[in-house]
Protein backbone atom coordinates (compact mmCIF):
# COMPACT_ATOMS: atom_id res chain seq x y z
CA UNK A 1 0.00 0.00 0.00
CA UNK A 2 2.79 2.44 0.88
CA UNK A 3 4.50 1.70 -2.45
CA UNK A 4 1.29 2.45 -4.35
CA UNK A 5 0.81 5.70 -2.45
CA UNK A 6 4.40 6.71 -3.12
CA UNK A 7 3.84 6.18 -6.86
CA UNK A 8 0.87 8.56 -6.83
CA UNK A 9 2.70 11.14 -4.72
CA UNK A 10 6.16 11.11 -6.26
CA UNK A 11 5.33 10.00 -9.80
CA UNK A 12 1.68 10.76 -10.45
CA UNK A 13 0.06 9.73 -13.72
CA UNK A 14 0.49 12.28 -16.51
CA UNK A 15 -3.09 13.59 -16.29
CA UNK A 16 -2.69 14.09 -12.53
CA UNK A 17 0.63 15.85 -13.05
CA UNK A 18 -1.01 18.16 -15.63
CA UNK A 19 -3.87 18.85 -13.24
CA UNK A 20 -1.59 19.82 -10.37
CA UNK A 21 0.57 21.97 -12.65
CA UNK A 22 -2.58 23.82 -13.70
CA UNK A 23 -3.69 24.21 -10.08
CA UNK A 24 -0.27 25.49 -9.01
CA UNK A 25 -0.01 27.98 -11.89
CA UNK A 26 -3.54 29.22 -11.21
CA UNK A 27 -2.79 29.62 -7.51
CA UNK A 28 0.33 31.65 -8.35
CA UNK A 29 -1.60 33.99 -10.67
CA UNK A 30 -4.47 34.35 -8.20
CA UNK A 31 -1.87 35.14 -5.54
CA UNK A 32 -0.49 37.97 -7.70
CA UNK A 33 -3.97 39.34 -8.20
CA UNK A 34 -4.89 39.06 -4.53
CA UNK A 35 -1.69 40.83 -3.52
CA UNK A 36 -2.62 43.70 -5.82
CA UNK A 37 -6.16 43.97 -4.43
CA UNK A 38 -5.00 43.73 -0.81
CA UNK A 39 -2.51 46.55 -1.43
CA UNK A 40 -5.50 48.64 -2.57
CA UNK A 41 -7.48 47.66 0.55
CA UNK A 42 -9.81 45.42 -1.42
CA UNK A 43 -10.74 41.78 -1.73
CA UNK A 44 -10.28 39.93 -5.03
CA UNK A 45 -13.37 37.79 -4.52
CA UNK A 46 -15.54 40.89 -4.17
CA UNK A 47 -13.93 42.41 -7.25
CA UNK A 48 -14.77 39.25 -9.18
CA UNK A 49 -18.43 39.73 -8.31
CA UNK A 50 -18.32 43.32 -9.56
CA UNK A 51 -16.61 42.24 -12.78
CA UNK A 52 -19.22 39.53 -13.39
CA UNK A 53 -22.01 42.06 -12.90
CA UNK A 54 -20.28 44.43 -15.33
CA UNK A 55 -19.89 41.62 -17.89
CA UNK A 56 -23.65 41.16 -17.88
CA UNK A 57 -24.46 44.74 -18.76
CA UNK A 58 -24.29 46.12 -15.23
CA UNK A 59 -27.27 44.13 -13.97
CA UNK A 60 -27.89 40.45 -13.26
CA UNK A 61 -30.13 38.15 -11.27
CA UNK A 62 -28.47 36.86 -8.10
CA UNK A 63 -29.13 33.27 -9.20
CA UNK A 64 -27.34 33.88 -12.51
CA UNK A 65 -24.42 35.53 -10.71
CA UNK A 66 -24.18 32.54 -8.36
CA UNK A 67 -23.99 30.20 -11.36
CA UNK A 68 -21.30 32.34 -13.02
CA UNK A 69 -18.97 32.20 -10.05
CA UNK A 70 -19.83 28.68 -8.91
CA UNK A 71 -21.53 29.27 -5.57
CA UNK A 72 -24.94 28.32 -4.27
CA UNK A 73 -27.89 30.68 -4.44
CA UNK A 74 -27.88 30.75 -0.64
CA UNK A 75 -24.26 31.90 -0.51
CA UNK A 76 -24.63 34.66 -3.09
CA UNK A 77 -26.64 36.81 -0.66
CA UNK A 78 -23.84 36.57 1.90
CA UNK A 79 -21.28 37.58 -0.73
CA UNK A 80 -23.35 40.49 -2.01
CA UNK A 81 -24.22 42.00 1.38
CA UNK A 82 -20.84 43.73 1.97
CA UNK A 83 -20.85 45.13 -1.57
CA UNK A 84 -24.27 46.60 -0.97
CA UNK A 85 -23.19 47.99 2.42
CA UNK A 86 -20.16 49.61 0.75
CA UNK A 87 -22.41 51.19 -1.88
CA UNK A 88 -20.86 49.29 -4.79
CA UNK A 89 -24.02 47.45 -5.85
CA UNK A 90 -27.73 48.09 -5.67
CA UNK A 91 -30.57 45.58 -5.34
CA UNK A 92 -33.85 46.42 -7.01
CA UNK A 93 -37.06 44.48 -7.54
CA UNK A 94 -37.21 42.60 -10.83
CA UNK A 95 -39.34 44.64 -13.24
CA UNK A 96 -41.54 41.66 -14.22
CA UNK A 97 -41.28 39.26 -11.28
CA UNK A 98 -41.64 40.86 -7.86
CA UNK A 99 -40.33 37.71 -6.16
CA UNK A 100 -36.89 38.28 -7.69
CA UNK A 101 -34.35 41.05 -7.41
CA UNK A 102 -31.83 42.43 -9.84
CA UNK A 103 -28.29 43.35 -8.84
CA UNK A 104 -26.65 46.31 -10.54
CA UNK A 105 -23.44 48.27 -10.18
CA UNK A 106 -23.66 51.69 -8.62
CA UNK A 107 -21.59 54.56 -9.97
CA UNK A 108 -19.14 53.92 -7.12
CA UNK A 109 -18.85 50.27 -8.19
CA UNK A 110 -18.21 51.26 -11.80
CA UNK A 111 -15.66 53.86 -10.72
CA UNK A 112 -13.80 51.36 -8.55
CA UNK A 113 -13.47 48.97 -11.51
CA UNK A 114 -12.49 51.78 -13.87
CA UNK A 115 -9.74 52.96 -11.52
CA UNK A 116 -8.27 49.63 -10.48
CA UNK A 117 -8.85 46.98 -13.15
CA UNK A 118 -6.13 48.31 -15.48
CA UNK A 119 -3.49 47.96 -12.76
CA UNK A 120 -4.69 44.49 -11.86
CA UNK A 121 -4.71 43.41 -15.49
CA UNK A 122 -1.12 44.65 -15.82
CA UNK A 123 -0.05 42.53 -12.86
CA UNK A 124 -1.68 39.47 -14.44
CA UNK A 125 -0.02 40.25 -17.78
CA UNK A 126 3.34 40.38 -16.03
CA UNK A 127 2.62 37.00 -14.47
CA UNK A 128 2.06 35.58 -17.96
CA UNK A 129 5.02 37.37 -19.55
CA UNK A 130 6.83 34.07 -20.12
CA UNK A 131 4.33 33.12 -22.82
CA UNK A 132 4.40 34.43 -26.38
CA UNK A 133 1.15 35.61 -27.97
CA UNK A 134 0.75 32.36 -29.93
CA UNK A 135 1.27 30.37 -26.73
CA UNK A 136 -1.38 32.43 -24.95
CA UNK A 137 -3.86 31.63 -27.73
CA UNK A 138 -2.90 27.96 -27.48
CA UNK A 139 -3.32 28.06 -23.69
CA UNK A 140 -6.79 29.59 -24.01
CA UNK A 141 -7.72 26.95 -26.59
CA UNK A 142 -6.51 24.11 -24.37
CA UNK A 143 -8.23 25.48 -21.26
CA UNK A 144 -11.51 25.81 -23.17
CA UNK A 145 -11.08 22.26 -24.42
CA UNK A 146 -10.70 21.09 -20.82
CA UNK A 147 -13.77 23.06 -19.75
CA UNK A 148 -15.83 21.46 -22.52
CA UNK A 149 -14.72 17.97 -21.53
CA UNK A 150 -15.79 18.37 -17.89
CA UNK A 151 -19.22 19.82 -18.62
C-alpha atoms as a PDB file:
ATOM      1  CA  UNK A   1       0.000   0.000   0.000  1.00  0.00           C
ATOM      2  CA  UNK A   2       2.791   2.445   0.884  1.00  0.00           C
ATOM      3  CA  UNK A   3       4.498   1.698  -2.446  1.00  0.00           C
ATOM      4  CA  UNK A   4       1.288   2.454  -4.350  1.00  0.00           C
ATOM      5  CA  UNK A   5       0.805   5.703  -2.451  1.00  0.00           C
ATOM      6  CA  UNK A   6       4.399   6.707  -3.122  1.00  0.00           C
ATOM      7  CA  UNK A   7       3.839   6.177  -6.859  1.00  0.00           C
ATOM      8  CA  UNK A   8       0.866   8.562  -6.835  1.00  0.00           C
ATOM      9  CA  UNK A   9       2.695  11.137  -4.722  1.00  0.00           C
ATOM     10  CA  UNK A  10       6.164  11.106  -6.257  1.00  0.00           C
ATOM     11  CA  UNK A  11       5.334   9.999  -9.798  1.00  0.00           C
ATOM     12  CA  UNK A  12       1.681  10.756 -10.445  1.00  0.00           C
ATOM     13  CA  UNK A  13       0.057   9.726 -13.719  1.00  0.00           C
ATOM     14  CA  UNK A  14       0.490  12.283 -16.511  1.00  0.00           C
ATOM     15  CA  UNK A  15      -3.088  13.595 -16.290  1.00  0.00           C
ATOM     16  CA  UNK A  16      -2.692  14.093 -12.535  1.00  0.00           C
ATOM     17  CA  UNK A  17       0.634  15.849 -13.048  1.00  0.00           C
ATOM     18  CA  UNK A  18      -1.005  18.159 -15.634  1.00  0.00           C
ATOM     19  CA  UNK A  19      -3.866  18.847 -13.244  1.00  0.00           C
ATOM     20  CA  UNK A  20      -1.587  19.822 -10.373  1.00  0.00           C
ATOM     21  CA  UNK A  21       0.575  21.968 -12.651  1.00  0.00           C
ATOM     22  CA  UNK A  22      -2.581  23.818 -13.699  1.00  0.00           C
ATOM     23  CA  UNK A  23      -3.692  24.209 -10.080  1.00  0.00           C
ATOM     24  CA  UNK A  24      -0.273  25.494  -9.005  1.00  0.00           C
ATOM     25  CA  UNK A  25      -0.015  27.977 -11.894  1.00  0.00           C
ATOM     26  CA  UNK A  26      -3.538  29.220 -11.213  1.00  0.00           C
ATOM     27  CA  UNK A  27      -2.792  29.623  -7.511  1.00  0.00           C
ATOM     28  CA  UNK A  28       0.328  31.651  -8.346  1.00  0.00           C
ATOM     29  CA  UNK A  29      -1.601  33.986 -10.666  1.00  0.00           C
ATOM     30  CA  UNK A  30      -4.470  34.347  -8.199  1.00  0.00           C
ATOM     31  CA  UNK A  31      -1.873  35.143  -5.539  1.00  0.00           C
ATOM     32  CA  UNK A  32      -0.492  37.972  -7.699  1.00  0.00           C
ATOM     33  CA  UNK A  33      -3.971  39.340  -8.203  1.00  0.00           C
ATOM     34  CA  UNK A  34      -4.895  39.062  -4.527  1.00  0.00           C
ATOM     35  CA  UNK A  35      -1.689  40.826  -3.516  1.00  0.00           C
ATOM     36  CA  UNK A  36      -2.621  43.701  -5.822  1.00  0.00           C
ATOM     37  CA  UNK A  37      -6.164  43.967  -4.426  1.00  0.00           C
ATOM     38  CA  UNK A  38      -5.005  43.735  -0.810  1.00  0.00           C
ATOM     39  CA  UNK A  39      -2.509  46.551  -1.434  1.00  0.00           C
ATOM     40  CA  UNK A  40      -5.501  48.637  -2.566  1.00  0.00           C
ATOM     41  CA  UNK A  41      -7.475  47.662   0.547  1.00  0.00           C
ATOM     42  CA  UNK A  42      -9.808  45.419  -1.416  1.00  0.00           C
ATOM     43  CA  UNK A  43     -10.745  41.782  -1.731  1.00  0.00           C
ATOM     44  CA  UNK A  44     -10.284  39.934  -5.031  1.00  0.00           C
ATOM     45  CA  UNK A  45     -13.373  37.795  -4.520  1.00  0.00           C
ATOM     46  CA  UNK A  46     -15.538  40.888  -4.175  1.00  0.00           C
ATOM     47  CA  UNK A  47     -13.931  42.409  -7.248  1.00  0.00           C
ATOM     48  CA  UNK A  48     -14.767  39.246  -9.179  1.00  0.00           C
ATOM     49  CA  UNK A  49     -18.430  39.733  -8.306  1.00  0.00           C
ATOM     50  CA  UNK A  50     -18.319  43.322  -9.559  1.00  0.00           C
ATOM     51  CA  UNK A  51     -16.614  42.237 -12.781  1.00  0.00           C
ATOM     52  CA  UNK A  52     -19.218  39.527 -13.388  1.00  0.00           C
ATOM     53  CA  UNK A  53     -22.015  42.063 -12.900  1.00  0.00           C
ATOM     54  CA  UNK A  54     -20.275  44.431 -15.333  1.00  0.00           C
ATOM     55  CA  UNK A  55     -19.895  41.625 -17.890  1.00  0.00           C
ATOM     56  CA  UNK A  56     -23.655  41.159 -17.876  1.00  0.00           C
ATOM     57  CA  UNK A  57     -24.465  44.744 -18.761  1.00  0.00           C
ATOM     58  CA  UNK A  58     -24.292  46.119 -15.228  1.00  0.00           C
ATOM     59  CA  UNK A  59     -27.273  44.127 -13.972  1.00  0.00           C
ATOM     60  CA  UNK A  60     -27.888  40.454 -13.258  1.00  0.00           C
ATOM     61  CA  UNK A  61     -30.130  38.147 -11.275  1.00  0.00           C
ATOM     62  CA  UNK A  62     -28.475  36.862  -8.102  1.00  0.00           C
ATOM     63  CA  UNK A  63     -29.129  33.269  -9.198  1.00  0.00           C
ATOM     64  CA  UNK A  64     -27.341  33.881 -12.513  1.00  0.00           C
ATOM     65  CA  UNK A  65     -24.424  35.535 -10.707  1.00  0.00           C
ATOM     66  CA  UNK A  66     -24.181  32.542  -8.364  1.00  0.00           C
ATOM     67  CA  UNK A  67     -23.993  30.196 -11.365  1.00  0.00           C
ATOM     68  CA  UNK A  68     -21.305  32.345 -13.015  1.00  0.00           C
ATOM     69  CA  UNK A  69     -18.970  32.197 -10.046  1.00  0.00           C
ATOM     70  CA  UNK A  70     -19.830  28.678  -8.912  1.00  0.00           C
ATOM     71  CA  UNK A  71     -21.527  29.270  -5.571  1.00  0.00           C
ATOM     72  CA  UNK A  72     -24.937  28.325  -4.268  1.00  0.00           C
ATOM     73  CA  UNK A  73     -27.891  30.684  -4.441  1.00  0.00           C
ATOM     74  CA  UNK A  74     -27.878  30.752  -0.635  1.00  0.00           C
ATOM     75  CA  UNK A  75     -24.256  31.901  -0.507  1.00  0.00           C
ATOM     76  CA  UNK A  76     -24.633  34.655  -3.087  1.00  0.00           C
ATOM     77  CA  UNK A  77     -26.637  36.805  -0.661  1.00  0.00           C
ATOM     78  CA  UNK A  78     -23.840  36.565   1.897  1.00  0.00           C
ATOM     79  CA  UNK A  79     -21.284  37.577  -0.729  1.00  0.00           C
ATOM     80  CA  UNK A  80     -23.346  40.493  -2.012  1.00  0.00           C
ATOM     81  CA  UNK A  81     -24.216  42.000   1.379  1.00  0.00           C
ATOM     82  CA  UNK A  82     -20.837  43.733   1.969  1.00  0.00           C
ATOM     83  CA  UNK A  83     -20.845  45.129  -1.573  1.00  0.00           C
ATOM     84  CA  UNK A  84     -24.266  46.599  -0.972  1.00  0.00           C
ATOM     85  CA  UNK A  85     -23.189  47.988   2.423  1.00  0.00           C
ATOM     86  CA  UNK A  86     -20.161  49.610   0.753  1.00  0.00           C
ATOM     87  CA  UNK A  87     -22.414  51.192  -1.875  1.00  0.00           C
ATOM     88  CA  UNK A  88     -20.859  49.289  -4.788  1.00  0.00           C
ATOM     89  CA  UNK A  89     -24.015  47.453  -5.848  1.00  0.00           C
ATOM     90  CA  UNK A  90     -27.728  48.092  -5.669  1.00  0.00           C
ATOM     91  CA  UNK A  91     -30.567  45.577  -5.344  1.00  0.00           C
ATOM     92  CA  UNK A  92     -33.852  46.419  -7.011  1.00  0.00           C
ATOM     93  CA  UNK A  93     -37.065  44.477  -7.542  1.00  0.00           C
ATOM     94  CA  UNK A  94     -37.211  42.596 -10.831  1.00  0.00           C
ATOM     95  CA  UNK A  95     -39.339  44.635 -13.244  1.00  0.00           C
ATOM     96  CA  UNK A  96     -41.537  41.661 -14.224  1.00  0.00           C
ATOM     97  CA  UNK A  97     -41.284  39.255 -11.277  1.00  0.00           C
ATOM     98  CA  UNK A  98     -41.641  40.857  -7.861  1.00  0.00           C
ATOM     99  CA  UNK A  99     -40.332  37.711  -6.155  1.00  0.00           C
ATOM    100  CA  UNK A 100     -36.891  38.282  -7.685  1.00  0.00           C
ATOM    101  CA  UNK A 101     -34.351  41.052  -7.408  1.00  0.00           C
ATOM    102  CA  UNK A 102     -31.831  42.428  -9.843  1.00  0.00           C
ATOM    103  CA  UNK A 103     -28.286  43.347  -8.844  1.00  0.00           C
ATOM    104  CA  UNK A 104     -26.647  46.310 -10.543  1.00  0.00           C
ATOM    105  CA  UNK A 105     -23.440  48.265 -10.177  1.00  0.00           C
ATOM    106  CA  UNK A 106     -23.656  51.692  -8.623  1.00  0.00           C
ATOM    107  CA  UNK A 107     -21.589  54.563  -9.974  1.00  0.00           C
ATOM    108  CA  UNK A 108     -19.144  53.922  -7.122  1.00  0.00           C
ATOM    109  CA  UNK A 109     -18.846  50.271  -8.190  1.00  0.00           C
ATOM    110  CA  UNK A 110     -18.210  51.258 -11.799  1.00  0.00           C
ATOM    111  CA  UNK A 111     -15.659  53.862 -10.721  1.00  0.00           C
ATOM    112  CA  UNK A 112     -13.803  51.356  -8.555  1.00  0.00           C
ATOM    113  CA  UNK A 113     -13.473  48.968 -11.507  1.00  0.00           C
ATOM    114  CA  UNK A 114     -12.494  51.783 -13.869  1.00  0.00           C
ATOM    115  CA  UNK A 115      -9.743  52.963 -11.518  1.00  0.00           C
ATOM    116  CA  UNK A 116      -8.274  49.632 -10.476  1.00  0.00           C
ATOM    117  CA  UNK A 117      -8.849  46.985 -13.149  1.00  0.00           C
ATOM    118  CA  UNK A 118      -6.127  48.311 -15.480  1.00  0.00           C
ATOM    119  CA  UNK A 119      -3.487  47.959 -12.759  1.00  0.00           C
ATOM    120  CA  UNK A 120      -4.689  44.493 -11.855  1.00  0.00           C
ATOM    121  CA  UNK A 121      -4.707  43.408 -15.488  1.00  0.00           C
ATOM    122  CA  UNK A 122      -1.124  44.654 -15.819  1.00  0.00           C
ATOM    123  CA  UNK A 123      -0.049  42.531 -12.860  1.00  0.00           C
ATOM    124  CA  UNK A 124      -1.679  39.472 -14.443  1.00  0.00           C
ATOM    125  CA  UNK A 125      -0.019  40.252 -17.781  1.00  0.00           C
ATOM    126  CA  UNK A 126       3.344  40.381 -16.029  1.00  0.00           C
ATOM    127  CA  UNK A 127       2.621  36.997 -14.473  1.00  0.00           C
ATOM    128  CA  UNK A 128       2.056  35.580 -17.957  1.00  0.00           C
ATOM    129  CA  UNK A 129       5.019  37.367 -19.549  1.00  0.00           C
ATOM    130  CA  UNK A 130       6.826  34.066 -20.116  1.00  0.00           C
ATOM    131  CA  UNK A 131       4.331  33.119 -22.819  1.00  0.00           C
ATOM    132  CA  UNK A 132       4.399  34.427 -26.384  1.00  0.00           C
ATOM    133  CA  UNK A 133       1.145  35.607 -27.969  1.00  0.00           C
ATOM    134  CA  UNK A 134       0.754  32.358 -29.927  1.00  0.00           C
ATOM    135  CA  UNK A 135       1.273  30.366 -26.728  1.00  0.00           C
ATOM    136  CA  UNK A 136      -1.383  32.433 -24.948  1.00  0.00           C
ATOM    137  CA  UNK A 137      -3.860  31.627 -27.731  1.00  0.00           C
ATOM    138  CA  UNK A 138      -2.904  27.964 -27.476  1.00  0.00           C
ATOM    139  CA  UNK A 139      -3.323  28.056 -23.685  1.00  0.00           C
ATOM    140  CA  UNK A 140      -6.791  29.586 -24.014  1.00  0.00           C
ATOM    141  CA  UNK A 141      -7.721  26.946 -26.593  1.00  0.00           C
ATOM    142  CA  UNK A 142      -6.515  24.112 -24.366  1.00  0.00           C
ATOM    143  CA  UNK A 143      -8.229  25.476 -21.262  1.00  0.00           C
ATOM    144  CA  UNK A 144     -11.511  25.815 -23.174  1.00  0.00           C
ATOM    145  CA  UNK A 145     -11.081  22.256 -24.419  1.00  0.00           C
ATOM    146  CA  UNK A 146     -10.702  21.089 -20.817  1.00  0.00           C
ATOM    147  CA  UNK A 147     -13.774  23.056 -19.751  1.00  0.00           C
ATOM    148  CA  UNK A 148     -15.835  21.460 -22.525  1.00  0.00           C
ATOM    149  CA  UNK A 149     -14.722  17.965 -21.525  1.00  0.00           C
ATOM    150  CA  UNK A 150     -15.792  18.371 -17.892  1.00  0.00           C
ATOM    151  CA  UNK A 151     -19.215  19.817 -18.620  1.00  0.00           C
END
